[in-house]
């Protein structure tokens, strides 16, 4: 359960950084 939460956080951070680049 916790592992999935960490993955979700990492994916969200990656999406945020990609949006900042745009």
C-alpha atoms as a PDB file:
ATOM      1  CA  UNK A   1       0.000   0.000   0.000  1.00  0.00           C
ATOM      2  CA  UNK A   2       2.712   2.455   1.061  1.00  0.00           C
ATOM      3  CA  UNK A   3       4.809   1.551  -1.981  1.00  0.00           C
ATOM      4  CA  UNK A   4       1.956   2.561  -4.304  1.00  0.00           C
ATOM      5  CA  UNK A   5       1.579   5.846  -2.429  1.00  0.00           C
ATOM      6  CA  UNK A   6       5.274   6.626  -2.928  1.00  0.00           C
ATOM      7  CA  UNK A   7       5.009   5.817  -6.646  1.00  0.00           C
ATOM      8  CA  UNK A   8       1.956   8.073  -6.971  1.00  0.00           C
ATOM      9  CA  UNK A   9       3.852  10.927  -5.293  1.00  0.00           C
ATOM     10  CA  UNK A  10       6.854  10.433  -7.578  1.00  0.00           C
ATOM     11  CA  UNK A  11       4.633  10.410 -10.671  1.00  0.00           C
ATOM     12  CA  UNK A  12       2.855  13.566  -9.533  1.00  0.00           C
ATOM     13  CA  UNK A  13       6.176  15.319  -8.948  1.00  0.00           C
ATOM     14  CA  UNK A  14       7.346  14.291 -12.427  1.00  0.00           C
ATOM     15  CA  UNK A  15       4.119  15.648 -13.932  1.00  0.00           C
ATOM     16  CA  UNK A  16       4.561  18.923 -12.041  1.00  0.00           C
ATOM     17  CA  UNK A  17       8.119  19.395 -13.306  1.00  0.00           C
ATOM     18  CA  UNK A  18       7.049  18.608 -16.885  1.00  0.00           C
ATOM     19  CA  UNK A  19       4.254  21.177 -16.612  1.00  0.00           C
ATOM     20  CA  UNK A  20       6.742  23.776 -15.354  1.00  0.00           C
ATOM     21  CA  UNK A  21       8.917  23.127 -18.415  1.00  0.00           C
ATOM     22  CA  UNK A  22       5.943  23.735 -20.687  1.00  0.00           C
END
